[in-house]
Amino acid sequence: MPEMPDAERPRGAVRADGGLGVDAPGGVRRFSHEAMATYFEVYAAHPDAQYAGQAAHAAFDLIDRLERELSRFIPNSDISRINALGAGEATQIGASALECLVIARHMYELTGGAFDVSIGTGLPSLELDPDRFLVRPAGTGVRVDLGGIGKGYAVDRMAELLEEWGIGSALVHGGFSSILAMAPPPGRAGWPLTMSDPTSPSRVLRRQSLTQTAIGASGLQKGAHIVDPRSGRPVHGRAAAWVALPRPEPRGAGGQPDAPRLAASAVVDALTTAFMLLGLDEIEALCAGSPGLEAWILSGDQAELRHFGRAA
């Protein structure tokens, strides 16, 4: 897909359907790329426009590769081959698909099945062999769709690649529903973000300044498109959910070269969907048991924004 050219940030927040907006300071360079049925963008605070553009385009190349591996709509992708398996059959997949499935399995267990990339077709029956990169369903009819986690995972990988290029002062998003605020622009404490009512964008509910934090949003601005995989019924009583989680220390930090990588944006992607479905007491318990995890829930009547997690 073609990239939009680098441009100075226009004044005023840019918001997408998820209810999140970025109000980046002047001088920040912005690069856009269409992939995964949305637009990914890189906001880079770097003095060399050409170098920043090269780094952003390298990140966009990575997205395109991930889409070819993770999309269920692309023939012979890792996910398409998984969905074609019969009971007891196996297929070898790449590291990215395996990592997404491991994260998805963990989020399934953490949320009691409220987040389910198989939409109730049997995620627990997928046997994963991480040593040989094999996937084998124990039953038939398992269908995987990484749409609820893939954009966040891509955002995480883009951020890692930008840091490898020496672009640490940046913000990356996938359709504004998955945002990763990296190191802030010079002279700033963080990246300025807004949380707005998804059905009334001019209604700003909260302003934040974030650094090294993943934040995501989910809402019903496009209609009743969120279905509870446990019951098959659409969500009700909830207008929107936002979730924030600090980025973990990089792999190898603290003398642990083999420490596993946690994809913060992928986790946030999953939780925004789950938190549209879970009860408030369940959300409160998850935030209380997960250091740094925060959530904001907008009720269906849009009368109250509830906060969970560390002090606001």
Protein backbone atom coordinates (compact mmCIF):
# COMPACT_ATOMS: atom_id res chain seq x y z
CA MET A 1 0.00 0.00 0.00
CA PRO A 2 1.29 3.53 -0.67
CA GLU A 3 2.57 5.70 2.15
CA MET A 4 1.37 9.22 2.76
CA PRO A 5 4.26 11.71 2.68
CA ASP A 6 5.90 13.17 5.74
CA ALA A 7 4.10 16.29 6.96
CA GLU A 8 4.31 18.74 9.80
CA ARG A 9 1.58 18.01 12.33
CA PRO A 10 -1.45 20.23 11.89
CA ARG A 11 -2.67 21.91 15.05
CA GLY A 12 -5.44 20.21 16.99
CA ALA A 13 -6.00 16.65 17.97
CA VAL A 14 -6.39 13.92 15.38
CA ARG A 15 -8.96 11.34 16.45
CA ALA A 16 -10.21 8.15 14.92
CA ASP A 17 -13.24 5.98 15.64
CA GLY A 18 -11.75 4.43 18.75
CA GLY A 19 -12.15 7.62 20.81
CA LEU A 20 -8.40 8.28 21.20
CA GLY A 21 -6.65 11.34 19.80
CA VAL A 22 -3.12 12.68 19.50
CA ASP A 23 -2.30 16.36 19.88
CA ALA A 24 1.37 16.22 18.93
CA PRO A 25 3.52 19.36 19.27
CA GLY A 26 4.79 21.25 16.24
CA GLY A 27 7.85 19.91 14.45
CA VAL A 28 6.91 16.26 14.94
CA ARG A 29 7.07 14.38 11.64
CA ARG A 30 4.19 12.16 10.65
CA PHE A 31 4.20 9.18 8.29
CA SER A 32 1.17 7.04 7.33
CA HIS A 33 0.64 3.65 5.73
CA GLU A 34 -2.47 1.63 4.94
CA ALA A 35 -2.46 -1.98 6.16
CA MET A 36 -4.67 -4.42 8.09
CA ALA A 37 -7.79 -2.54 6.94
CA THR A 38 -6.70 0.66 8.71
CA TYR A 39 -3.99 3.33 8.74
CA PHE A 40 -0.84 2.94 10.77
CA GLU A 41 1.10 6.09 11.60
CA VAL A 42 4.49 7.00 13.02
CA TYR A 43 4.99 10.34 14.74
CA ALA A 44 8.73 10.89 15.05
CA ALA A 45 10.54 13.70 16.86
CA HIS A 46 13.79 13.55 14.90
CA PRO A 47 15.84 16.33 13.29
CA ASP A 48 16.60 14.41 10.08
CA ALA A 49 13.42 14.12 8.02
CA GLN A 50 14.94 11.76 5.48
CA TYR A 51 16.30 9.38 8.09
CA ALA A 52 13.03 9.44 10.05
CA GLY A 53 11.17 8.61 6.83
CA GLN A 54 13.47 5.70 6.07
CA ALA A 55 12.91 4.30 9.57
CA ALA A 56 9.14 4.73 9.26
CA HIS A 57 9.08 2.99 5.88
CA ALA A 58 11.10 0.10 7.33
CA ALA A 59 8.43 -0.18 10.02
CA PHE A 60 5.71 -0.17 7.37
CA ASP A 61 7.50 -2.95 5.47
CA LEU A 62 7.38 -4.93 8.70
CA ILE A 63 3.61 -4.39 8.96
CA ASP A 64 3.11 -5.68 5.43
CA ARG A 65 5.09 -8.81 6.24
CA LEU A 66 3.09 -9.37 9.43
CA GLU A 67 -0.17 -8.96 7.54
CA ARG A 68 0.89 -11.62 5.05
CA GLU A 69 1.58 -13.99 7.94
CA LEU A 70 -1.31 -13.18 10.28
CA SER A 71 -4.33 -12.38 8.09
CA ARG A 72 -7.00 -15.06 7.77
CA PHE A 73 -8.01 -13.50 4.45
CA ILE A 74 -4.68 -14.19 2.72
CA PRO A 75 -4.31 -17.70 1.24
CA ASN A 76 -1.45 -19.71 2.70
CA SER A 77 -0.89 -17.29 5.57
CA ASP A 78 -0.02 -18.95 8.86
CA ILE A 79 -3.55 -18.33 10.13
CA SER A 80 -5.24 -19.56 6.94
CA ARG A 81 -3.30 -22.81 7.17
CA ILE A 82 -4.30 -23.23 10.81
CA ASN A 83 -7.95 -22.70 9.92
CA ALA A 84 -7.73 -25.39 7.23
CA LEU A 85 -6.46 -28.06 9.62
CA GLY A 86 -8.47 -31.10 10.54
CA ALA A 87 -8.36 -32.81 13.92
CA GLY A 88 -4.87 -34.15 14.62
CA GLU A 89 -3.31 -32.41 11.60
CA ALA A 90 -0.43 -30.00 12.18
CA THR A 91 1.21 -27.08 10.43
CA GLN A 92 4.41 -25.18 11.04
CA ILE A 93 4.07 -21.44 11.57
CA GLY A 94 6.39 -18.48 11.98
CA ALA A 95 7.56 -16.87 15.20
CA SER A 96 5.12 -13.94 14.96
CA ALA A 97 2.02 -16.13 14.55
CA LEU A 98 3.16 -18.38 17.39
CA GLU A 99 3.81 -15.39 19.64
CA CYS A 100 0.35 -13.97 18.89
CA LEU A 101 -1.28 -17.30 19.69
CA VAL A 102 0.63 -17.58 22.98
CA ILE A 103 -0.50 -14.07 23.96
CA ALA A 104 -4.06 -14.84 22.83
CA ARG A 105 -4.16 -18.03 24.88
CA HIS A 106 -2.94 -16.14 27.95
CA MET A 107 -5.56 -13.41 27.47
CA TYR A 108 -8.27 -16.03 27.00
CA GLU A 109 -7.39 -17.56 30.34
CA LEU A 110 -6.97 -14.19 32.08
CA THR A 111 -10.39 -12.94 30.96
CA GLY A 112 -12.27 -16.17 31.43
CA GLY A 113 -12.92 -16.48 27.71
CA ALA A 114 -14.18 -12.91 27.18
CA PHE A 115 -11.32 -12.44 24.73
CA ASP A 116 -11.24 -15.33 22.30
CA VAL A 117 -9.52 -15.19 18.90
CA SER A 118 -11.44 -18.31 17.90
CA ILE A 119 -14.84 -16.69 18.69
CA GLY A 120 -15.91 -19.73 20.64
CA THR A 121 -14.76 -22.38 18.15
CA GLY A 122 -12.22 -23.96 20.48
CA LEU A 123 -9.06 -21.98 21.19
CA PRO A 124 -8.12 -24.23 24.15
CA SER A 125 -8.08 -27.22 21.78
CA LEU A 126 -5.19 -25.76 19.78
CA GLU A 127 -2.00 -27.51 20.80
CA LEU A 128 1.09 -25.29 20.51
CA ASP A 129 4.60 -26.71 20.22
CA PRO A 130 6.88 -23.67 20.64
CA ASP A 131 10.07 -25.68 20.17
CA ARG A 132 9.07 -26.86 16.69
CA PHE A 133 6.71 -23.96 15.85
CA LEU A 134 3.86 -26.40 15.30
CA VAL A 135 0.12 -25.94 15.77
CA ARG A 136 -2.25 -28.90 15.99
CA PRO A 137 -6.02 -28.75 16.77
CA ALA A 138 -7.36 -31.53 18.94
CA GLY A 139 -10.82 -31.14 17.40
CA THR A 140 -12.40 -29.92 14.20
CA GLY A 141 -13.80 -26.55 13.22
CA VAL A 142 -11.36 -24.30 15.06
CA ARG A 143 -11.20 -20.92 13.31
CA VAL A 144 -8.72 -18.25 14.37
CA ASP A 145 -9.02 -14.52 13.65
CA LEU A 146 -6.24 -12.34 15.07
CA GLY A 147 -8.09 -9.11 14.23
CA GLY A 148 -8.52 -8.34 17.94
CA ILE A 149 -4.83 -8.56 18.70
CA GLY A 150 -2.91 -8.28 15.43
CA LYS A 151 -2.87 -4.47 15.15
CA GLY A 152 -1.55 -4.09 18.68
CA TYR A 153 1.08 -6.74 18.05
CA ALA A 154 2.18 -4.90 14.88
CA VAL A 155 2.42 -1.62 16.80
CA ASP A 156 4.70 -3.28 19.36
CA ARG A 157 6.99 -4.68 16.69
CA MET A 158 7.07 -1.33 14.85
CA ALA A 159 8.19 0.42 18.03
CA GLU A 160 10.98 -2.09 18.57
CA LEU A 161 12.18 -1.60 15.00
CA LEU A 162 12.14 2.20 15.32
CA GLU A 163 14.25 1.94 18.46
CA GLU A 164 16.73 -0.27 16.59
CA TRP A 165 17.01 2.61 14.09
CA GLY A 166 17.70 5.02 16.95
CA ILE A 167 14.22 6.62 16.72
CA GLY A 168 13.22 6.46 20.38
CA SER A 169 11.21 9.67 20.61
CA ALA A 170 8.12 8.52 18.75
CA LEU A 171 4.49 7.48 18.89
CA VAL A 172 2.99 4.66 16.84
CA HIS A 173 -0.66 3.82 16.31
CA GLY A 174 -2.82 1.43 14.33
CA GLY A 175 -6.05 3.20 13.48
CA PHE A 176 -5.88 5.11 16.81
CA SER A 177 -7.47 2.13 18.54
CA SER A 178 -3.96 0.92 19.45
CA ILE A 179 -1.46 3.62 20.45
CA LEU A 180 2.04 3.17 21.81
CA ALA A 181 3.62 6.30 23.28
CA MET A 182 7.39 5.85 23.33
CA ALA A 183 9.85 8.45 24.65
CA PRO A 184 8.31 11.94 24.43
CA PRO A 185 9.41 14.79 22.15
CA PRO A 186 12.22 16.98 23.50
CA GLY A 187 11.06 19.32 26.24
CA ARG A 188 7.87 17.34 26.85
CA ALA A 189 6.96 15.10 29.77
CA GLY A 190 4.88 12.84 27.54
CA TRP A 191 2.78 12.55 24.40
CA PRO A 192 -0.51 14.50 24.80
CA LEU A 193 -3.54 12.28 24.18
CA THR A 194 -7.28 12.71 24.49
CA MET A 195 -10.05 10.26 25.29
CA SER A 196 -13.35 11.25 23.67
CA ASP A 197 -16.88 9.91 23.58
CA PRO A 198 -16.76 7.72 20.43
CA THR A 199 -20.29 8.74 19.47
CA SER A 200 -19.62 12.45 20.07
CA PRO A 201 -15.99 13.25 19.21
CA SER A 202 -16.18 16.84 20.47
CA ARG A 203 -16.88 15.55 23.98
CA VAL A 204 -13.41 15.11 25.50
CA LEU A 205 -13.64 12.92 28.57
CA ARG A 206 -10.02 12.97 29.67
CA ARG A 207 -6.62 14.37 28.68
CA GLN A 208 -3.44 12.45 29.35
CA SER A 209 0.31 12.80 28.86
CA LEU A 210 1.87 9.37 28.37
CA THR A 211 5.36 8.00 27.86
CA GLN A 212 6.45 4.38 27.40
CA THR A 213 2.82 3.31 27.66
CA ALA A 214 0.41 1.39 25.45
CA ILE A 215 -3.19 2.58 25.38
CA GLY A 216 -6.13 1.23 23.43
CA ALA A 217 -9.81 1.89 22.92
CA SER A 218 -12.92 -0.04 21.96
CA GLY A 219 -16.45 1.25 21.52
CA LEU A 220 -19.82 0.86 19.84
CA GLN A 221 -19.51 3.82 17.46
CA LYS A 222 -19.87 1.41 14.51
CA GLY A 223 -22.86 -0.41 15.92
CA ALA A 224 -23.17 -3.66 17.85
CA HIS A 225 -20.08 -5.28 16.33
CA ILE A 226 -18.64 -6.70 19.55
CA VAL A 227 -20.01 -10.14 20.33
CA ASP A 228 -19.47 -12.05 23.55
CA PRO A 229 -17.78 -15.33 22.45
CA ARG A 230 -19.12 -17.03 25.56
CA SER A 231 -22.78 -16.44 24.65
CA GLY A 232 -22.86 -15.28 21.03
CA ARG A 233 -24.78 -12.15 22.03
CA PRO A 234 -23.71 -8.56 21.27
CA VAL A 235 -22.40 -6.35 24.06
CA HIS A 236 -24.93 -4.20 25.94
CA GLY A 237 -24.74 -1.64 28.72
CA ARG A 238 -21.33 -0.38 27.68
CA ALA A 239 -20.44 2.49 25.31
CA ALA A 240 -16.63 2.37 25.34
CA ALA A 241 -13.57 1.05 27.14
CA TRP A 242 -10.01 2.34 27.31
CA VAL A 243 -7.04 0.40 28.70
CA ALA A 244 -3.47 1.55 29.41
CA LEU A 245 -0.42 -0.51 30.32
CA PRO A 246 3.23 0.57 30.74
CA ARG A 247 5.74 -0.97 28.33
CA PRO A 248 7.88 -3.68 29.92
CA GLU A 249 11.63 -3.48 30.19
CA PRO A 250 13.30 -4.61 26.95
CA ARG A 251 14.43 -8.21 26.63
CA GLY A 252 17.81 -8.69 28.18
CA ALA A 253 17.28 -5.98 30.80
CA GLY A 254 18.47 -6.82 34.29
CA GLY A 255 20.82 -9.55 33.11
CA GLN A 256 18.09 -11.78 31.64
CA PRO A 257 18.97 -12.23 27.96
CA ASP A 258 16.34 -14.93 27.50
CA ALA A 259 13.49 -13.09 29.23
CA PRO A 260 10.24 -13.40 27.24
CA ARG A 261 8.94 -10.39 25.35
CA LEU A 262 5.62 -8.93 26.45
CA ALA A 263 3.77 -7.11 23.70
CA ALA A 264 2.03 -4.37 25.70
CA SER A 265 -0.10 -3.05 22.82
CA ALA A 266 -1.25 -6.56 21.92
CA VAL A 267 -2.31 -7.14 25.53
CA VAL A 268 -4.11 -3.78 25.63
CA ASP A 269 -5.83 -4.62 22.32
CA ALA A 270 -7.21 -7.79 23.85
CA LEU A 271 -8.27 -6.18 27.11
CA THR A 272 -10.20 -3.33 25.47
CA THR A 273 -12.40 -5.93 23.81
CA ALA A 274 -12.74 -8.02 26.97
CA PHE A 275 -13.53 -4.98 29.11
CA MET A 276 -16.51 -4.18 26.87
CA LEU A 277 -17.94 -7.50 28.09
CA LEU A 278 -16.72 -8.14 31.63
CA GLY A 279 -18.50 -6.92 34.75
CA LEU A 280 -17.10 -3.91 36.59
CA ASP A 281 -16.11 -6.07 39.55
CA GLU A 282 -14.12 -8.36 37.23
CA ILE A 283 -12.39 -5.37 35.62
CA GLU A 284 -11.56 -3.94 39.04
CA ALA A 285 -10.06 -7.26 40.14
CA LEU A 286 -7.93 -7.58 37.00
CA CYS A 287 -6.57 -4.04 37.37
CA ALA A 288 -5.90 -4.53 41.08
CA GLY A 289 -3.94 -7.70 40.35
CA SER A 290 -1.91 -6.30 37.45
CA PRO A 291 0.62 -3.59 38.38
CA GLY A 292 0.31 -0.52 36.17
CA LEU A 293 -2.87 -1.65 34.40
CA GLU A 294 -5.57 1.04 34.14
CA ALA A 295 -9.03 1.06 32.62
CA TRP A 296 -11.73 3.63 31.95
CA ILE A 297 -15.26 2.43 31.24
CA LEU A 298 -18.02 4.55 29.72
CA SER A 299 -21.47 3.25 30.57
CA GLY A 300 -24.10 2.64 27.94
CA ASP A 301 -26.02 5.78 28.89
CA GLN A 302 -22.70 7.70 28.59
CA ALA A 303 -23.41 9.33 31.94
CA GLU A 304 -20.33 8.19 33.84
CA LEU A 305 -16.67 7.44 33.11
CA ARG A 306 -15.40 4.91 35.65
CA HIS A 307 -11.69 4.53 36.37
CA PHE A 308 -9.95 1.36 37.60
CA GLY A 309 -6.33 0.75 38.54
CA ARG A 310 -3.72 3.07 39.94
CA ALA A 311 -4.76 6.54 41.11
CA ALA A 312 -5.78 8.84 38.26
